[in-house]
Structure formats: structure tokens, C-alpha cells
Protein backbone atom coordinates (compact mmCIF):
# COMPACT_ATOMS: atom_id res chain seq x y z
CA MET A 1 0.00 0.04 0.04
CA GLN A 2 1.11 3.53 -0.59
CA CYS A 3 -0.64 6.82 0.08
CA GLN A 4 -0.11 10.63 -0.50
CA ILE A 5 -1.79 13.41 1.39
CA TYR A 6 -1.78 17.14 0.46
CA PRO A 7 -3.38 19.22 3.28
CA ASP A 8 -3.11 22.70 1.96
CA VAL A 9 -4.64 22.95 -1.58
CA LYS A 10 -5.85 26.53 -1.95
CA TYR A 11 -8.39 28.14 -4.25
CA THR A 12 -8.80 31.89 -4.71
CA TYR A 13 -11.97 33.45 -6.23
CA ARG A 14 -11.45 36.95 -7.85
CA ASP A 15 -13.71 39.38 -9.69
CA SER A 16 -12.90 40.92 -13.14
CA ASN A 17 -10.75 43.48 -11.43
CA ASN A 18 -8.66 40.78 -9.79
CA LYS A 19 -10.07 41.67 -6.40
CA VAL A 20 -10.24 38.66 -4.00
CA LEU A 21 -13.79 37.78 -3.28
CA GLY A 22 -13.26 34.54 -1.47
CA THR A 23 -10.81 31.72 -0.78
CA ALA A 24 -11.13 27.98 0.01
CA LEU A 25 -8.82 25.43 1.54
CA PHE A 26 -8.85 21.73 0.46
CA ALA A 27 -7.01 18.56 1.32
CA THR A 28 -6.56 15.68 -1.01
CA ALA A 29 -5.57 12.08 -0.37
CA GLN A 30 -4.84 9.08 -2.45
CA GLN A 31 -4.35 5.43 -1.39
CA LEU A 32 -3.19 2.63 -3.60
CA ASP A 33 -3.85 -0.98 -2.41
CA LEU A 34 -1.66 -3.48 -4.28
CA ALA A 35 -1.55 -7.25 -4.08
CA THR A 36 1.54 -9.37 -4.58
CA ASN A 37 -0.60 -12.10 -6.28
CA SER A 38 -2.70 -9.88 -8.58
CA LEU A 39 -2.11 -7.60 -11.51
CA GLN A 40 -5.06 -5.42 -10.49
CA TRP A 41 -5.08 -2.83 -7.72
CA THR A 42 -7.47 -0.28 -6.29
CA GLU A 43 -7.02 3.34 -5.81
CA THR A 44 -9.06 5.53 -3.53
CA ASP A 45 -9.04 9.28 -4.08
CA GLN A 46 -10.42 11.81 -1.73
CA ILE A 47 -10.91 15.57 -1.63
CA THR A 48 -12.31 17.64 1.33
CA MET A 49 -13.16 21.26 1.45
CA LEU A 50 -11.85 22.21 4.78
CA SER A 51 -12.74 25.98 5.06
CA SER A 52 -13.67 29.06 3.13
CA THR A 53 -13.55 32.81 3.50
CA GLY A 54 -15.65 35.52 1.79
CA THR A 55 -17.84 34.69 -1.13
CA LEU A 56 -17.42 31.76 -3.50
CA PRO A 57 -19.31 30.73 -6.68
CA PRO A 58 -22.51 29.01 -5.68
CA ASN A 59 -21.71 26.09 -8.05
CA LEU A 60 -18.17 25.50 -7.02
CA GLY A 61 -16.95 22.05 -8.04
CA VAL A 62 -13.80 19.93 -8.55
CA SER A 63 -12.47 17.88 -11.49
CA TRP A 64 -9.94 15.14 -10.98
CA THR A 65 -8.10 13.07 -13.54
CA THR A 66 -5.64 10.12 -12.94
CA ASN A 67 -3.22 9.07 -15.62
CA CYS A 68 -1.15 5.92 -15.64
CA SER A 69 1.65 5.09 -17.86
CA SER A 70 3.10 2.02 -19.51
CA THR A 71 0.75 -1.03 -19.92
CA CYS A 72 -1.60 0.16 -17.27
CA THR A 73 -5.25 0.37 -18.03
CA PRO A 74 -7.38 2.41 -18.05
CA LYS A 75 -4.92 5.05 -19.20
CA SER A 76 -7.13 7.78 -17.86
CA THR A 77 -9.80 7.76 -15.11
CA LYS A 78 -11.91 10.76 -14.14
CA PRO A 79 -13.33 10.29 -10.65
CA TRP A 80 -15.00 13.75 -10.77
CA ALA A 81 -15.96 16.26 -13.45
CA LEU A 82 -17.09 19.55 -11.79
CA ALA A 83 -18.55 17.68 -8.96
CA PRO A 84 -20.19 20.07 -6.50
CA ILE A 85 -18.42 20.52 -3.19
CA ARG A 86 -19.08 22.68 0.01
CA VAL A 87 -17.32 23.26 3.35
CA GLY A 88 -17.04 20.08 5.40
CA GLN A 89 -17.87 17.85 2.40
CA ASN A 90 -15.65 14.92 1.50
CA LEU A 91 -15.69 13.33 -1.92
CA THR A 92 -14.43 9.80 -2.08
CA LYS A 93 -13.97 7.55 -5.13
CA THR A 94 -12.50 3.96 -5.47
CA TYR A 95 -11.64 2.41 -8.86
CA THR A 96 -9.66 -0.44 -10.25
CA LEU A 97 -6.46 -0.21 -12.41
CA THR A 98 -4.70 -3.16 -14.08
CA ASP A 99 -1.54 -4.00 -15.68
CA GLN A 100 -0.39 -6.47 -18.33
CA PRO A 101 3.26 -7.05 -17.85
CA SER A 102 5.70 -7.20 -20.71
CA THR A 103 8.58 -9.62 -20.92
CA GLY A 104 10.32 -7.94 -17.86
CA TYR A 105 9.06 -5.60 -15.13
CA ASP A 106 6.54 -2.87 -15.71
CA TYR A 107 7.36 0.36 -13.84
CA ILE A 108 4.07 2.41 -13.71
CA ASP A 109 3.99 6.11 -12.89
CA LEU A 110 0.80 7.66 -12.02
CA ASP A 111 0.11 11.43 -12.20
CA TYR A 112 -2.81 13.56 -11.31
CA GLN A 113 -4.57 16.69 -12.43
CA LEU A 114 -7.01 18.77 -10.23
CA SER A 115 -9.08 21.69 -11.21
CA ILE A 116 -11.29 23.68 -8.89
CA GLY A 117 -13.77 26.19 -10.30
CA ALA A 118 -17.23 26.88 -11.55
CA PRO A 119 -18.70 26.68 -15.05
CA ASP A 120 -19.34 30.46 -15.28
CA ALA A 121 -16.01 31.42 -13.57
CA ILE A 122 -12.85 32.26 -15.41
CA ASP A 123 -9.94 30.02 -14.62
CA LEU A 124 -7.00 32.23 -13.85
CA LEU A 125 -4.52 29.41 -13.07
CA PRO A 126 -3.80 26.04 -14.76
CA PRO A 127 -4.88 22.86 -13.13
CA ILE A 128 -2.77 21.56 -10.28
CA LYS A 129 -0.62 18.68 -11.37
CA TRP A 130 1.36 16.20 -9.25
CA GLY A 131 2.84 12.71 -9.40
CA GLY A 132 4.87 10.53 -7.01
CA ALA A 133 2.74 7.33 -6.96
CA GLU A 134 4.71 4.36 -8.44
CA VAL A 135 3.85 0.66 -9.05
CA ARG A 136 5.88 -2.20 -10.29
CA CYS A 137 4.18 -5.24 -11.74
CA ASP A 138 5.61 -8.54 -13.14
CA ASN A 139 4.80 -12.13 -13.93
CA LYS A 140 8.29 -13.38 -13.78
CA ILE A 141 8.92 -14.15 -10.10
CA SER A 142 6.45 -16.74 -9.11
CA LEU A 143 4.68 -19.54 -10.83
CA PRO A 144 3.51 -19.16 -14.46
CA ASN A 145 0.55 -16.88 -14.88
CA ASN A 146 0.88 -15.74 -11.30
CA GLY A 147 1.60 -11.99 -11.52
CA GLY A 148 1.59 -9.28 -8.90
CA CYS A 149 2.38 -5.75 -8.06
CA VAL A 150 4.50 -4.01 -5.38
CA VAL A 151 5.66 -0.54 -4.36
CA PRO A 152 9.11 -0.40 -6.00
CA TRP A 153 10.76 1.95 -3.41
CA TYR A 154 9.56 -0.02 -0.42
CA THR A 155 12.28 -2.26 1.30
CA PRO A 156 10.61 -5.28 2.89
CA THR A 157 11.83 -7.16 5.95
CA LEU A 158 12.60 -10.90 6.17
CA ARG A 159 11.91 -11.96 9.77
CA LEU A 160 13.43 -15.33 10.93
CA PRO A 161 12.41 -16.62 14.40
CA ARG A 162 14.85 -18.31 16.60
CA SER A 163 12.15 -20.81 17.77
CA GLN A 164 11.98 -22.19 14.21
CA TYR A 165 15.52 -21.97 12.94
CA GLY A 166 17.68 -22.12 16.13
CA ALA A 167 21.49 -22.06 15.46
CA SER A 168 20.89 -21.08 11.85
CA ALA A 169 19.12 -17.83 12.87
CA ASP A 170 21.65 -17.35 15.74
CA MET A 171 24.50 -17.55 13.37
CA ILE A 172 22.87 -14.75 11.23
CA GLU A 173 22.25 -12.55 14.21
CA TRP A 174 25.86 -13.13 15.52
CA ALA A 175 27.21 -12.05 12.14
CA GLN A 176 24.94 -8.91 11.98
CA LYS A 177 26.14 -7.82 15.41
CA ASN A 178 29.81 -8.86 15.33
CA LEU A 179 31.03 -8.45 11.80
CA SER A 180 31.68 -5.07 10.32
CA GLY A 181 29.30 -5.62 7.38
CA HIS A 182 26.18 -5.71 9.64
CA TRP A 183 24.37 -7.14 6.57
CA GLY A 184 20.66 -6.49 6.57
CA LEU A 185 20.57 -4.99 10.07
CA ARG A 186 18.36 -2.04 9.93
CA GLY A 187 19.81 1.08 11.63
CA THR A 188 23.34 -0.32 11.52
CA GLY A 189 24.09 -1.90 8.26
CA GLN A 190 22.84 -1.73 4.60
CA PRO A 191 20.19 -3.85 3.09
CA LEU A 192 20.95 -7.11 1.53
CA HIS A 193 20.20 -7.49 -2.20
CA ARG A 194 18.71 -10.41 -4.05
CA LEU A 195 20.94 -12.07 -6.63
CA LYS A 196 18.65 -13.80 -9.19
CA GLY A 197 20.99 -15.98 -11.30
CA ASP A 198 20.89 -19.66 -10.38
CA THR A 199 24.40 -20.24 -11.97
CA GLN A 200 25.94 -17.49 -9.94
CA GLN A 201 24.28 -18.58 -6.76
CA ALA A 202 25.64 -22.09 -7.25
CA GLY A 203 29.14 -20.65 -7.89
CA ASN A 204 29.02 -18.58 -4.77
CA ARG A 205 27.86 -21.65 -2.66
CA ASN A 206 30.72 -23.71 -4.06
CA ILE A 207 33.30 -21.15 -3.20
CA ILE A 208 32.07 -21.07 0.46
CA CYS A 209 30.64 -24.48 1.11
CA GLY A 210 32.05 -26.71 -1.72
CA THR A 211 32.62 -30.45 -0.67
CA SER A 212 36.34 -29.84 -1.15
CA LYS A 213 36.29 -26.75 1.21
CA PHE A 214 34.05 -27.85 4.00
CA THR A 215 34.66 -30.81 6.28
CA LYS A 216 31.60 -31.95 8.39
CA ASP A 217 31.77 -31.94 12.21
CA PRO A 218 30.60 -35.34 13.59
CA ASN A 219 29.75 -33.58 16.78
CA VAL A 220 27.08 -31.63 15.08
CA GLN A 221 23.89 -33.61 14.20
CA ASP A 222 23.49 -34.08 10.56
CA ASP A 223 26.09 -31.35 10.02
CA SER A 224 25.85 -28.99 6.94
CA CYS A 225 27.61 -26.02 5.74
CA ASP A 226 25.60 -22.74 6.33
CA GLU A 227 26.72 -19.35 5.07
CA PHE A 228 25.81 -15.85 5.55
CA PRO A 229 25.31 -13.65 3.59
CA PHE A 230 23.38 -15.98 1.54
CA ALA A 231 24.71 -17.34 -1.81
CA GLY A 232 21.73 -15.69 -3.41
CA ASN A 233 22.75 -12.22 -2.27
CA TYR A 234 25.02 -9.67 -3.94
CA GLU A 235 26.68 -9.37 -0.50
CA SER A 236 27.90 -13.06 -0.71
CA GLY A 237 31.48 -13.41 0.35
CA ALA A 238 32.10 -15.09 -2.83
CA LEU A 239 31.36 -11.85 -4.78
CA ASN A 240 33.29 -9.73 -2.43
CA GLY A 241 36.81 -11.10 -2.53
CA ILE A 242 36.46 -14.44 -0.86
CA THR A 243 37.85 -17.46 -2.62
CA HIS A 244 37.58 -20.07 0.06
CA GLY A 245 35.00 -20.55 2.88
CA LYS A 246 37.92 -20.87 5.35
CA ASP A 247 38.34 -17.06 5.15
CA CYS A 248 34.86 -16.40 6.60
CA ALA A 249 34.43 -16.19 10.24
CA GLN A 250 33.76 -19.70 11.54
CA VAL A 251 31.04 -20.77 13.90
CA THR A 252 29.44 -24.08 15.09
CA ALA A 253 26.14 -24.93 16.55
CA VAL A 254 26.08 -25.72 20.34
CA ARG A 255 23.82 -28.45 21.66
CA ALA A 256 21.67 -27.45 24.59
CA ASP A 257 19.05 -30.21 24.81
CA THR A 258 17.85 -33.70 23.48
CA SER A 259 14.22 -32.92 23.07
CA GLY A 260 14.01 -33.94 19.48
CA ASP A 261 13.17 -30.41 18.34
CA LEU A 262 16.25 -29.23 16.41
CA ALA A 263 15.76 -25.52 17.06
CA THR A 264 15.48 -26.21 20.84
CA ASP A 265 18.35 -28.70 20.95
CA TRP A 266 20.63 -26.54 18.90
CA PRO A 267 19.72 -22.95 19.59
CA THR A 268 22.94 -21.08 19.34
CA VAL A 269 26.50 -20.92 17.88
CA THR A 270 29.94 -20.27 19.15
CA THR A 271 32.98 -19.07 17.30
CA VAL A 272 35.75 -21.45 16.12
CA GLY A 273 39.24 -20.01 16.02
CA THR A 274 40.08 -16.41 15.86
CA VAL A 275 37.56 -13.85 14.64
CA THR A 276 38.79 -10.28 13.73
CA GLY A 277 35.35 -8.82 12.93
CA SER A 278 36.36 -7.67 9.49
CA GLU A 279 35.61 -10.95 7.81
CA LYS A 280 33.33 -10.67 4.74
CA CYS A 281 31.00 -13.63 5.58
CA VAL A 282 30.35 -16.14 8.25
CA ARG A 283 30.44 -19.98 7.75
CA GLY A 284 28.80 -22.47 10.21
CA HIS A 285 28.40 -26.02 11.13
CA ILE A 286 24.55 -26.24 11.36
CA PRO A 287 22.09 -29.12 11.49
CA ARG A 288 20.87 -29.65 7.99
CA SER A 289 17.24 -29.20 8.58
CA LEU A 290 17.71 -25.78 10.26
CA ASN A 291 19.88 -24.65 7.37
CA THR A 292 17.61 -25.79 4.64
CA ASP A 293 14.34 -24.66 6.30
CA LEU A 294 15.75 -21.20 6.66
CA GLY A 295 16.92 -21.16 3.08
CA GLY A 296 13.51 -22.19 1.94
CA THR A 297 12.01 -19.47 3.93
CA TYR A 298 14.20 -17.01 2.12
CA GLY A 299 13.10 -18.39 -1.23
CA SER A 300 9.48 -18.01 -0.25
CA PHE A 301 10.03 -14.51 0.88
CA VAL A 302 11.61 -13.73 -2.63
CA VAL A 303 8.37 -15.00 -4.23
CA SER A 304 5.82 -13.30 -1.77
CA GLN A 305 7.63 -9.95 -1.91
CA ARG A 306 8.21 -10.24 -5.67
CA LEU A 307 12.01 -9.30 -5.32
CA ALA A 308 13.61 -8.70 -8.63
CA ASP A 309 17.28 -8.94 -9.16
CA ASN A 310 19.28 -6.53 -6.96
CA ASP A 311 16.09 -5.49 -4.95
CA PRO A 312 17.03 -4.65 -1.37
CA PHE A 313 15.57 -6.14 1.79
CA TRP A 314 16.25 -6.04 5.57
CA LEU A 315 16.71 -9.20 7.71
CA SER A 316 15.59 -9.39 11.30
CA ILE A 317 16.03 -12.31 13.73
CA THR A 318 12.99 -12.59 16.11
CA PHE A 319 11.96 -14.91 18.82
């Protein structure tokens, strides 16, 4: 969802000698409600006449036009055409817009035009024009024929609970707090960015966790190589000067219980060897199910948020 509010739209009524007869103050608002699983969205526009002074035309009205670019339809929508309005009155209109994505991503700009006046009054000023609303639609992220739309300048947050991912989540939080990259940590670091290419992701994973570069620890249940930043991020150590996973900070899961629930039994990590804090990645010995489940959640997040290549996102470890 995105919205815009303009609280001080002013109208001045003058006579033929340019003498001010009256004024009016308006507020406008727009709200776009998108869906990540639909190529249709609704827009709700509002205009309210807040106050007036002096004398105004008895048939004062407002005209509003919404224009959308690219493959959006309809190209032009007119919620009001000289619709009468008076002090305290709020006009509201909701309508539907649709996109038909091209082979890539459609970036849609919406712009608006507002006129305030009366049929028998001379318009001394041009219509008020503004933009700022943006939509991006695609059908390339999820399953075939499953398109959706998002606000392109919004940065979503991937939330990973410790109660579900145990040591795998703890490894990420440890890296965010203790390594200088602070990857994805809002307020301290920079966002992570999705890397789309499967071949590049596989290459990144091999550099950090390849079978010739990682030796399983028999003391960790069903041990697997876990890495952060992810192989599917542009922040991957493999894309930032690392040629072998041994050069990442090293951690290992710590067993705390034997309940049979992996997140409870392996809730935390501890460092292995010396850590300087300047390492460009972390590599961990993590029970496989915790590792793969967390990776699957990231993959689902990419789909649900319709992240394109190089789109940013924050990452937060929760309870």
C-alpha cells in the first residue's frame, strides 16, 4: 500500500478587477492498495473542502483526472468532473487499475490533475498537477501466470524466528552484530540485495561451502555448511573477494538439549578459531534441517515480496 496526502490545496476566487472575493482550503488524499498475487489494484481518491472565506461561486466544483503510464489500463480515469463541493464535504472515489506485464518488469508512474472552479468562472490558473505514485508489476517471479504488483521503493523485511531456525538464525544474528558488514541490520548496516542468477548462486555456494572446502563435524547432528550472507545475495562473500570459505568467520552450533526439536536442541552458535570482525562472511556447522528450512523461507520471501534482481531487503532475527 502507498498513500499521498496534500493538506493545503488553496483556491482563490477573484472578480474581473482581480479583487479577491473569497478563498477555500482543500485537502487531497490517495491510497493505492496493491496485491503481490494480482495484476489489479485499487486506488481510492479523496478531496475535502476544509474551510472558506468571503464569497465563493455557488456552483463551485472539482474535477480530477488520474493518468497511468506504461501498460496500465485504463490510461485515464476521471473520478469527478466539476462535482459540486461545499465546506465540510468529503468526496471519495475507489476504482480499479490493471497492468499486463511485458517480458520484464513494468514500472508504472501515476500522475494527477485537479481543477477547482465553476462553469461560469474564469480559470486564472492552470490545473494543479502532481505525481509521485509508483507501481511495479511482473509475472516473472512466481509460478507461471501468477503475476503481482508492489511498491518499488519499499524495502521489505525478512523475519526469521529463533524458535523455528535455532542455530541457523543465531548465526545470522551473531554476524549482524559482530562483523563489520552488519548485513541487513536496519539502523546499523545496509540492506541485503537479491541475486537472481541460479548459476551465480551455485558458484557462490561452491566457493564458500564446496565439498572440497568444508569438512563436516561429527559432533553436530546431521552437520551441513551454512553461510551468510546467502549465496543468493550480492553481498555473498564469494562476490566480495572471498575465494575459500575458510576465510569467513567460523562458527559451530552448540547443543543445549535432547528434546528432538532441532531449534530447541541446537539454539545457538559459538565461534571457532580467531575472529577479527572484518571478515566478509560467516560459515557455520549447522544441523541440515535448520539450514535448509531457513533457506526455503528466504526463497518463499523472494516470491511473496516479488523481489527482482538486486532488490534490497532487511533481515531481522526474532523470537
